[in-house]
Amino acid sequence: VMVTAGIVNSATGAVLQAALLQLFVVFNLALRARARTLLLGC
């Protein structure tokens, strides 16, 4: 959901800094998910 909103954010040029919140989800993937899921999330 956040990547989809990030694509629209980048495509429209709004460049909202809330897009950096995706890094929280990446951190949780690295903390709990398998390596394949982490690579897919990155």
All heavy atoms as atom14 arrays in JSON, in Angstrom:
{
  "sequence": "VMVTAGIVNSATGAVLQAALLQLFVVFNLALRARARTLLLGC",
  "atom14_mask": [
    [1, 1, 1, 1, 1, 1, 1, 0, 0, 0, 0, 0, 0, 0],
    [1, 1, 1, 1, 1, 1, 1, 1, 0, 0, 0, 0, 0, 0],
    [1, 1, 1, 1, 1, 1, 1, 0, 0, 0, 0, 0, 0, 0],
    [1, 1, 1, 1, 1, 1, 1, 0, 0, 0, 0, 0, 0, 0],
    [1, 1, 1, 1, 1, 0, 0, 0, 0, 0, 0, 0, 0, 0],
    [1, 1, 1, 1, 0, 0, 0, 0, 0, 0, 0, 0, 0, 0],
    [1, 1, 1, 1, 1, 1, 1, 1, 0, 0, 0, 0, 0, 0],
    [1, 1, 1, 1, 1, 1, 1, 0, 0, 0, 0, 0, 0, 0],
    [1, 1, 1, 1, 1, 1, 1, 1, 0, 0, 0, 0, 0, 0],
    [1, 1, 1, 1, 1, 1, 0, 0, 0, 0, 0, 0, 0, 0],
    [1, 1, 1, 1, 1, 0, 0, 0, 0, 0, 0, 0, 0, 0],
    [1, 1, 1, 1, 1, 1, 1, 0, 0, 0, 0, 0, 0, 0],
    [1, 1, 1, 1, 0, 0, 0, 0, 0, 0, 0, 0, 0, 0],
    [1, 1, 1, 1, 1, 0, 0, 0, 0, 0, 0, 0, 0, 0],
    [1, 1, 1, 1, 1, 1, 1, 0, 0, 0, 0, 0, 0, 0],
    [1, 1, 1, 1, 1, 1, 1, 1, 0, 0, 0, 0, 0, 0],
    [1, 1, 1, 1, 1, 1, 1, 1, 1, 0, 0, 0, 0, 0],
    [1, 1, 1, 1, 1, 0, 0, 0, 0, 0, 0, 0, 0, 0],
    [1, 1, 1, 1, 1, 0, 0, 0, 0, 0, 0, 0, 0, 0],
    [1, 1, 1, 1, 1, 1, 1, 1, 0, 0, 0, 0, 0, 0],
    [1, 1, 1, 1, 1, 1, 1, 1, 0, 0, 0, 0, 0, 0],
    [1, 1, 1, 1, 1, 1, 1, 1, 1, 0, 0, 0, 0, 0],
    [1, 1, 1, 1, 1, 1, 1, 1, 0, 0, 0, 0, 0, 0],
    [1, 1, 1, 1, 1, 1, 1, 1, 1, 1, 1, 0, 0, 0],
    [1, 1, 1, 1, 1, 1, 1, 0, 0, 0, 0, 0, 0, 0],
    [1, 1, 1, 1, 1, 1, 1, 0, 0, 0, 0, 0, 0, 0],
    [1, 1, 1, 1, 1, 1, 1, 1, 1, 1, 1, 0, 0, 0],
    [1, 1, 1, 1, 1, 1, 1, 1, 0, 0, 0, 0, 0, 0],
    [1, 1, 1, 1, 1, 1, 1, 1, 0, 0, 0, 0, 0, 0],
    [1, 1, 1, 1, 1, 0, 0, 0, 0, 0, 0, 0, 0, 0],
    [1, 1, 1, 1, 1, 1, 1, 1, 0, 0, 0, 0, 0, 0],
    [1, 1, 1, 1, 1, 1, 1, 1, 1, 1, 1, 0, 0, 0],
    [1, 1, 1, 1, 1, 0, 0, 0, 0, 0, 0, 0, 0, 0],
    [1, 1, 1, 1, 1, 1, 1, 1, 1, 1, 1, 0, 0, 0],
    [1, 1, 1, 1, 1, 0, 0, 0, 0, 0, 0, 0, 0, 0],
    [1, 1, 1, 1, 1, 1, 1, 1, 1, 1, 1, 0, 0, 0],
    [1, 1, 1, 1, 1, 1, 1, 0, 0, 0, 0, 0, 0, 0],
    [1, 1, 1, 1, 1, 1, 1, 1, 0, 0, 0, 0, 0, 0],
    [1, 1, 1, 1, 1, 1, 1, 1, 0, 0, 0, 0, 0, 0],
    [1, 1, 1, 1, 1, 1, 1, 1, 0, 0, 0, 0, 0, 0],
    [1, 1, 1, 1, 0, 0, 0, 0, 0, 0, 0, 0, 0, 0],
    [1, 1, 1, 1, 1, 1, 0, 0, 0, 0, 0, 0, 0, 0]
  ],
  "atom14_positions": [
    [[0.84, -1.2, 0.0], [0.0, 0.0, 0.0], [0.88, 1.26, 0.0], [0.64, 2.22, -0.76], [-0.94, 0.0, 1.21], [-1.71, 1.33, 1.3], [-1.92, -1.17, 1.11], [0.0, 0.0, 0.0], [0.0, 0.0, 0.0], [0.0, 0.0, 0.0], [0.0, 0.0, 0.0], [0.0, 0.0, 0.0], [0.0, 0.0, 0.0], [0.0, 0.0, 0.0]],
    [[1.92, 1.25, 0.81], [2.79, 2.43, 0.9], [3.59, 2.64, -0.39], [3.81, 3.78, -0.82], [3.73, 2.29, 2.1], [2.99, 2.23, 3.44], [4.07, 1.9, 4.85], [4.86, 3.5, 5.03], [0.0, 0.0, 0.0], [0.0, 0.0, 0.0], [0.0, 0.0, 0.0], [0.0, 0.0, 0.0], [0.0, 0.0, 0.0], [0.0, 0.0, 0.0]],
    [[4.04, 1.55, -1.03], [4.77, 1.67, -2.3], [3.85, 2.21, -3.39], [4.26, 3.06, -4.21], [5.37, 0.31, -2.7], [5.85, 0.33, -4.15], [6.54, -0.04, -1.77], [0.0, 0.0, 0.0], [0.0, 0.0, 0.0], [0.0, 0.0, 0.0], [0.0, 0.0, 0.0], [0.0, 0.0, 0.0], [0.0, 0.0, 0.0], [0.0, 0.0, 0.0]],
    [[2.61, 1.74, -3.39], [1.65, 2.25, -4.39], [1.45, 3.76, -4.21], [1.46, 4.54, -5.19], [0.31, 1.51, -4.25], [0.53, 0.11, -4.41], [-0.69, 2.0, -5.29], [0.0, 0.0, 0.0], [0.0, 0.0, 0.0], [0.0, 0.0, 0.0], [0.0, 0.0, 0.0], [0.0, 0.0, 0.0], [0.0, 0.0, 0.0], [0.0, 0.0, 0.0]],
    [[1.25, 4.17, -2.94], [1.12, 5.61, -2.68], [2.42, 6.34, -3.01], [2.41, 7.49, -3.51], [0.74, 5.84, -1.22], [0.0, 0.0, 0.0], [0.0, 0.0, 0.0], [0.0, 0.0, 0.0], [0.0, 0.0, 0.0], [0.0, 0.0, 0.0], [0.0, 0.0, 0.0], [0.0, 0.0, 0.0], [0.0, 0.0, 0.0], [0.0, 0.0, 0.0]],
    [[3.58, 5.68, -2.78], [4.86, 6.31, -3.1], [5.06, 6.52, -4.59], [5.67, 7.52, -5.02], [0.0, 0.0, 0.0], [0.0, 0.0, 0.0], [0.0, 0.0, 0.0], [0.0, 0.0, 0.0], [0.0, 0.0, 0.0], [0.0, 0.0, 0.0], [0.0, 0.0, 0.0], [0.0, 0.0, 0.0], [0.0, 0.0, 0.0], [0.0, 0.0, 0.0]],
    [[4.57, 5.57, -5.39], [4.67, 5.73, -6.85], [3.87, 6.95, -7.3], [4.33, 7.78, -8.12], [4.18, 4.45, -7.56], [5.16, 3.29, -7.26], [4.06, 4.67, -9.06], [4.68, 1.95, -7.79], [0.0, 0.0, 0.0], [0.0, 0.0, 0.0], [0.0, 0.0, 0.0], [0.0, 0.0, 0.0], [0.0, 0.0, 0.0], [0.0, 0.0, 0.0]],
    [[2.64, 7.07, -6.78], [1.82, 8.25, -7.12], [2.5, 9.52, -6.62], [2.52, 10.56, -7.31], [0.41, 8.1, -6.54], [-0.43, 9.35, -6.83], [-0.27, 6.85, -7.08], [0.0, 0.0, 0.0], [0.0, 0.0, 0.0], [0.0, 0.0, 0.0], [0.0, 0.0, 0.0], [0.0, 0.0, 0.0], [0.0, 0.0, 0.0], [0.0, 0.0, 0.0]],
    [[3.08, 9.45, -5.42], [3.76, 10.6, -4.84], [4.93, 11.05, -5.73], [5.11, 12.24, -6.0], [4.26, 10.22, -3.44], [5.08, 11.31, -2.8], [4.66, 12.46, -2.74], [6.26, 10.95, -2.31], [0.0, 0.0, 0.0], [0.0, 0.0, 0.0], [0.0, 0.0, 0.0], [0.0, 0.0, 0.0], [0.0, 0.0, 0.0], [0.0, 0.0, 0.0]],
    [[5.73, 10.08, -6.23], [6.87, 10.43, -7.08], [6.41, 10.89, -8.46], [7.0, 11.81, -9.06], [7.81, 9.21, -7.21], [8.32, 8.84, -5.95], [0.0, 0.0, 0.0], [0.0, 0.0, 0.0], [0.0, 0.0, 0.0], [0.0, 0.0, 0.0], [0.0, 0.0, 0.0], [0.0, 0.0, 0.0], [0.0, 0.0, 0.0], [0.0, 0.0, 0.0]],
    [[5.37, 10.23, -8.98], [4.91, 10.57, -10.33], [4.29, 11.96, -10.39], [4.43, 12.68, -11.39], [3.91, 9.52, -10.81], [0.0, 0.0, 0.0], [0.0, 0.0, 0.0], [0.0, 0.0, 0.0], [0.0, 0.0, 0.0], [0.0, 0.0, 0.0], [0.0, 0.0, 0.0], [0.0, 0.0, 0.0], [0.0, 0.0, 0.0], [0.0, 0.0, 0.0]],
    [[3.61, 12.38, -9.31], [2.98, 13.71, -9.31], [3.96, 14.81, -8.92], [3.66, 15.99, -9.09], [1.8, 13.73, -8.32], [2.27, 13.37, -7.02], [0.71, 12.76, -8.76], [0.0, 0.0, 0.0], [0.0, 0.0, 0.0], [0.0, 0.0, 0.0], [0.0, 0.0, 0.0], [0.0, 0.0, 0.0], [0.0, 0.0, 0.0], [0.0, 0.0, 0.0]],
    [[5.1, 14.46, -8.35], [6.09, 15.45, -7.94], [5.83, 16.05, -6.59], [6.45, 17.05, -6.23], [0.0, 0.0, 0.0], [0.0, 0.0, 0.0], [0.0, 0.0, 0.0], [0.0, 0.0, 0.0], [0.0, 0.0, 0.0], [0.0, 0.0, 0.0], [0.0, 0.0, 0.0], [0.0, 0.0, 0.0], [0.0, 0.0, 0.0], [0.0, 0.0, 0.0]],
    [[4.88, 15.46, -5.8], [4.6, 16.0, -4.47], [5.8, 15.79, -3.52], [6.07, 16.64, -2.67], [3.35, 15.35, -3.89], [0.0, 0.0, 0.0], [0.0, 0.0, 0.0], [0.0, 0.0, 0.0], [0.0, 0.0, 0.0], [0.0, 0.0, 0.0], [0.0, 0.0, 0.0], [0.0, 0.0, 0.0], [0.0, 0.0, 0.0], [0.0, 0.0, 0.0]],
    [[6.47, 14.68, -3.68], [7.68, 14.35, -2.88], [7.41, 14.52, -1.39], [8.14, 15.22, -0.67], [8.89, 15.2, -3.32], [10.18, 14.6, -2.77], [8.98, 15.32, -4.83], [0.0, 0.0, 0.0], [0.0, 0.0, 0.0], [0.0, 0.0, 0.0], [0.0, 0.0, 0.0], [0.0, 0.0, 0.0], [0.0, 0.0, 0.0], [0.0, 0.0, 0.0]],
    [[6.33, 13.89, -0.9], [6.02, 13.95, 0.52], [7.08, 13.19, 1.33], [7.48, 12.08, 0.97], [4.64, 13.34, 0.79], [3.45, 14.04, 0.12], [2.16, 13.28, 0.4], [3.34, 15.48, 0.59], [0.0, 0.0, 0.0], [0.0, 0.0, 0.0], [0.0, 0.0, 0.0], [0.0, 0.0, 0.0], [0.0, 0.0, 0.0], [0.0, 0.0, 0.0]],
    [[7.54, 13.79, 2.42], [8.55, 13.14, 3.24], [7.98, 11.92, 3.99], [8.75, 11.1, 4.51], [9.13, 14.13, 4.25], [9.87, 15.28, 3.59], [10.62, 16.13, 4.6], [11.51, 15.64, 5.29], [10.24, 17.4, 4.69], [0.0, 0.0, 0.0], [0.0, 0.0, 0.0], [0.0, 0.0, 0.0], [0.0, 0.0, 0.0], [0.0, 0.0, 0.0]],
    [[6.66, 11.78, 4.02], [6.06, 10.59, 4.63], [6.46, 9.32, 3.9], [6.33, 8.22, 4.45], [4.54, 10.73, 4.66], [0.0, 0.0, 0.0], [0.0, 0.0, 0.0], [0.0, 0.0, 0.0], [0.0, 0.0, 0.0], [0.0, 0.0, 0.0], [0.0, 0.0, 0.0], [0.0, 0.0, 0.0], [0.0, 0.0, 0.0], [0.0, 0.0, 0.0]],
    [[6.97, 9.47, 2.66], [7.41, 8.29, 1.92], [8.58, 7.6, 2.63], [8.81, 6.39, 2.45], [7.81, 8.69, 0.51], [0.0, 0.0, 0.0], [0.0, 0.0, 0.0], [0.0, 0.0, 0.0], [0.0, 0.0, 0.0], [0.0, 0.0, 0.0], [0.0, 0.0, 0.0], [0.0, 0.0, 0.0], [0.0, 0.0, 0.0], [0.0, 0.0, 0.0]],
    [[9.33, 8.32, 3.46], [10.44, 7.69, 4.19], [9.96, 6.7, 5.24], [10.74, 5.89, 5.75], [11.28, 8.78, 4.87], [12.0, 9.77, 3.93], [12.69, 10.86, 4.75], [13.01, 9.02, 3.08], [0.0, 0.0, 0.0], [0.0, 0.0, 0.0], [0.0, 0.0, 0.0], [0.0, 0.0, 0.0], [0.0, 0.0, 0.0], [0.0, 0.0, 0.0]],
    [[8.66, 6.76, 5.58], [8.14, 5.8, 6.57], [8.17, 4.37, 6.08], [8.02, 3.42, 6.87], [6.7, 6.19, 6.95], [6.53, 7.57, 7.6], [5.05, 7.85, 7.87], [7.33, 7.64, 8.9], [0.0, 0.0, 0.0], [0.0, 0.0, 0.0], [0.0, 0.0, 0.0], [0.0, 0.0, 0.0], [0.0, 0.0, 0.0], [0.0, 0.0, 0.0]],
    [[8.37, 4.18, 4.78], [8.52, 2.82, 4.26], [9.71, 2.1, 4.88], [9.75, 0.87, 4.97], [8.69, 2.86, 2.73], [7.5, 3.45, 1.98], [7.79, 3.64, 0.51], [7.75, 2.68, -0.26], [8.1, 4.86, 0.13], [0.0, 0.0, 0.0], [0.0, 0.0, 0.0], [0.0, 0.0, 0.0], [0.0, 0.0, 0.0], [0.0, 0.0, 0.0]],
    [[10.7, 2.87, 5.33], [11.88, 2.27, 5.94], [11.54, 1.53, 7.24], [12.2, 0.57, 7.61], [12.94, 3.34, 6.2], [13.5, 4.04, 4.95], [14.5, 5.11, 5.35], [14.15, 3.03, 4.01], [0.0, 0.0, 0.0], [0.0, 0.0, 0.0], [0.0, 0.0, 0.0], [0.0, 0.0, 0.0], [0.0, 0.0, 0.0], [0.0, 0.0, 0.0]],
    [[10.48, 1.98, 7.94], [10.05, 1.25, 9.14], [9.59, -0.16, 8.79], [9.9, -1.12, 9.51], [8.89, 2.01, 9.82], [9.33, 3.17, 10.66], [9.24, 4.47, 10.18], [9.82, 2.96, 11.93], [9.65, 5.53, 10.96], [10.23, 4.03, 12.72], [10.14, 5.32, 12.24], [0.0, 0.0, 0.0], [0.0, 0.0, 0.0], [0.0, 0.0, 0.0]],
    [[8.88, -0.28, 7.68], [8.4, -1.59, 7.26], [9.57, -2.47, 6.81], [9.62, -3.66, 7.1], [7.36, -1.45, 6.13], [6.77, -2.81, 5.77], [6.24, -0.49, 6.56], [0.0, 0.0, 0.0], [0.0, 0.0, 0.0], [0.0, 0.0, 0.0], [0.0, 0.0, 0.0], [0.0, 0.0, 0.0], [0.0, 0.0, 0.0], [0.0, 0.0, 0.0]],
    [[10.54, -1.86, 6.11], [11.73, -2.62, 5.69], [12.48, -3.13, 6.92], [12.96, -4.27, 6.95], [12.63, -1.74, 4.81], [13.94, -2.45, 4.51], [11.92, -1.39, 3.51], [0.0, 0.0, 0.0], [0.0, 0.0, 0.0], [0.0, 0.0, 0.0], [0.0, 0.0, 0.0], [0.0, 0.0, 0.0], [0.0, 0.0, 0.0], [0.0, 0.0, 0.0]],
    [[12.59, -2.29, 7.95], [13.25, -2.72, 9.19], [12.54, -3.92, 9.8], [13.18, -4.88, 10.26], [13.27, -1.56, 10.18], [13.85, -1.92, 11.53], [15.22, -1.94, 11.71], [13.02, -2.23, 12.59], [15.76, -2.28, 12.94], [13.55, -2.57, 13.82], [14.92, -2.59, 14.0], [0.0, 0.0, 0.0], [0.0, 0.0, 0.0], [0.0, 0.0, 0.0]],
    [[11.2, -3.91, 9.82], [10.46, -5.04, 10.37], [10.61, -6.29, 9.51], [10.63, -7.4, 10.05], [8.98, -4.68, 10.51], [8.7, -3.88, 11.78], [8.41, -4.44, 12.83], [8.82, -2.58, 11.68], [0.0, 0.0, 0.0], [0.0, 0.0, 0.0], [0.0, 0.0, 0.0], [0.0, 0.0, 0.0], [0.0, 0.0, 0.0], [0.0, 0.0, 0.0]],
    [[10.71, -6.12, 8.2], [10.97, -7.28, 7.34], [12.34, -7.89, 7.66], [12.48, -9.11, 7.74], [10.91, -6.87, 5.86], [9.53, -6.56, 5.3], [9.64, -6.05, 3.86], [8.64, -7.8, 5.33], [0.0, 0.0, 0.0], [0.0, 0.0, 0.0], [0.0, 0.0, 0.0], [0.0, 0.0, 0.0], [0.0, 0.0, 0.0], [0.0, 0.0, 0.0]],
    [[13.36, -7.03, 7.82], [14.68, -7.54, 8.17], [14.68, -8.19, 9.54], [15.47, -9.12, 9.8], [15.7, -6.4, 8.14], [0.0, 0.0, 0.0], [0.0, 0.0, 0.0], [0.0, 0.0, 0.0], [0.0, 0.0, 0.0], [0.0, 0.0, 0.0], [0.0, 0.0, 0.0], [0.0, 0.0, 0.0], [0.0, 0.0, 0.0], [0.0, 0.0, 0.0]],
    [[13.8, -7.75, 10.42], [13.76, -8.26, 11.79], [13.04, -9.59, 11.89], [13.39, -10.42, 12.75], [13.07, -7.22, 12.68], [13.22, -7.37, 14.2], [14.67, -7.26, 14.6], [12.39, -6.3, 14.91], [0.0, 0.0, 0.0], [0.0, 0.0, 0.0], [0.0, 0.0, 0.0], [0.0, 0.0, 0.0], [0.0, 0.0, 0.0], [0.0, 0.0, 0.0]],
    [[12.06, -9.84, 11.02], [11.22, -11.02, 11.21], [11.05, -11.91, 9.97], [10.79, -13.1, 10.11], [9.83, -10.59, 11.68], [9.84, -9.92, 13.05], [8.44, -9.49, 13.46], [8.43, -8.92, 14.81], [8.7, -7.68, 15.11], [8.96, -6.82, 14.12], [8.71, -7.25, 16.36], [0.0, 0.0, 0.0], [0.0, 0.0, 0.0], [0.0, 0.0, 0.0]],
    [[11.19, -11.34, 8.77], [10.87, -12.11, 7.56], [12.09, -12.88, 7.06], [13.22, -12.68, 7.53], [10.35, -11.17, 6.47], [0.0, 0.0, 0.0], [0.0, 0.0, 0.0], [0.0, 0.0, 0.0], [0.0, 0.0, 0.0], [0.0, 0.0, 0.0], [0.0, 0.0, 0.0], [0.0, 0.0, 0.0], [0.0, 0.0, 0.0], [0.0, 0.0, 0.0]],
    [[11.85, -13.75, 6.08], [12.94, -14.48, 5.44], [13.72, -13.56, 4.52], [13.27, -12.48, 4.14], [12.38, -15.66, 4.66], [11.69, -16.72, 5.53], [11.13, -17.84, 4.71], [10.11, -17.35, 3.77], [9.49, -18.11, 2.88], [9.81, -19.4, 2.78], [8.58, -17.6, 2.09], [0.0, 0.0, 0.0], [0.0, 0.0, 0.0], [0.0, 0.0, 0.0]],
    [[14.92, -14.03, 4.13], [15.79, -13.21, 3.28], [15.13, -12.9, 1.94], [15.25, -11.78, 1.41], [17.12, -13.93, 3.07], [0.0, 0.0, 0.0], [0.0, 0.0, 0.0], [0.0, 0.0, 0.0], [0.0, 0.0, 0.0], [0.0, 0.0, 0.0], [0.0, 0.0, 0.0], [0.0, 0.0, 0.0], [0.0, 0.0, 0.0], [0.0, 0.0, 0.0]],
    [[14.41, -13.87, 1.38], [13.75, -13.64, 0.09], [12.69, -12.55, 0.2], [12.57, -11.69, -0.69], [13.13, -14.95, -0.4], [12.46, -14.85, -1.76], [11.83, -16.19, -2.14], [12.83, -17.25, -2.16], [12.54, -18.53, -2.42], [11.28, -18.89, -2.63], [13.5, -19.43, -2.43], [0.0, 0.0, 0.0], [0.0, 0.0, 0.0], [0.0, 0.0, 0.0]],
    [[11.93, -12.58, 1.29], [10.91, -11.55, 1.49], [11.54, -10.18, 1.69], [11.04, -9.16, 1.19], [10.03, -11.91, 2.7], [9.5, -13.23, 2.52], [8.89, -10.92, 2.86], [0.0, 0.0, 0.0], [0.0, 0.0, 0.0], [0.0, 0.0, 0.0], [0.0, 0.0, 0.0], [0.0, 0.0, 0.0], [0.0, 0.0, 0.0], [0.0, 0.0, 0.0]],
    [[12.68, -10.13, 2.4], [13.38, -8.86, 2.6], [13.87, -8.29, 1.27], [13.73, -7.08, 1.01], [14.54, -9.06, 3.57], [15.46, -7.85, 3.8], [14.66, -6.68, 4.37], [16.61, -8.23, 4.7], [0.0, 0.0, 0.0], [0.0, 0.0, 0.0], [0.0, 0.0, 0.0], [0.0, 0.0, 0.0], [0.0, 0.0, 0.0], [0.0, 0.0, 0.0]],
    [[14.45, -9.13, 0.43], [14.92, -8.66, -0.87], [13.77, -8.15, -1.72], [13.89, -7.12, -2.41], [15.66, -9.78, -1.59], [17.01, -10.2, -0.98], [17.58, -11.4, -1.74], [18.0, -9.03, -1.03], [0.0, 0.0, 0.0], [0.0, 0.0, 0.0], [0.0, 0.0, 0.0], [0.0, 0.0, 0.0], [0.0, 0.0, 0.0], [0.0, 0.0, 0.0]],
    [[12.63, -8.84, -1.68], [11.47, -8.39, -2.43], [10.98, -7.05, -1.9], [10.63, -6.14, -2.68], [10.35, -9.43, -2.32], [9.02, -9.08, -3.01], [9.23, -8.84, -4.51], [7.97, -10.16, -2.78], [0.0, 0.0, 0.0], [0.0, 0.0, 0.0], [0.0, 0.0, 0.0], [0.0, 0.0, 0.0], [0.0, 0.0, 0.0], [0.0, 0.0, 0.0]],
    [[10.96, -6.87, -0.57], [10.54, -5.59, 0.0], [11.47, -4.46, -0.38], [11.01, -3.34, -0.7], [0.0, 0.0, 0.0], [0.0, 0.0, 0.0], [0.0, 0.0, 0.0], [0.0, 0.0, 0.0], [0.0, 0.0, 0.0], [0.0, 0.0, 0.0], [0.0, 0.0, 0.0], [0.0, 0.0, 0.0], [0.0, 0.0, 0.0], [0.0, 0.0, 0.0]],
    [[12.77, -4.7, -0.4], [13.73, -3.66, -0.81], [13.53, -3.29, -2.27], [13.61, -2.11, -2.66], [15.16, -4.15, -0.56], [15.59, -4.31, 1.18], [0.0, 0.0, 0.0], [0.0, 0.0, 0.0], [0.0, 0.0, 0.0], [0.0, 0.0, 0.0], [0.0, 0.0, 0.0], [0.0, 0.0, 0.0], [0.0, 0.0, 0.0], [0.0, 0.0, 0.0]]
  ]
}
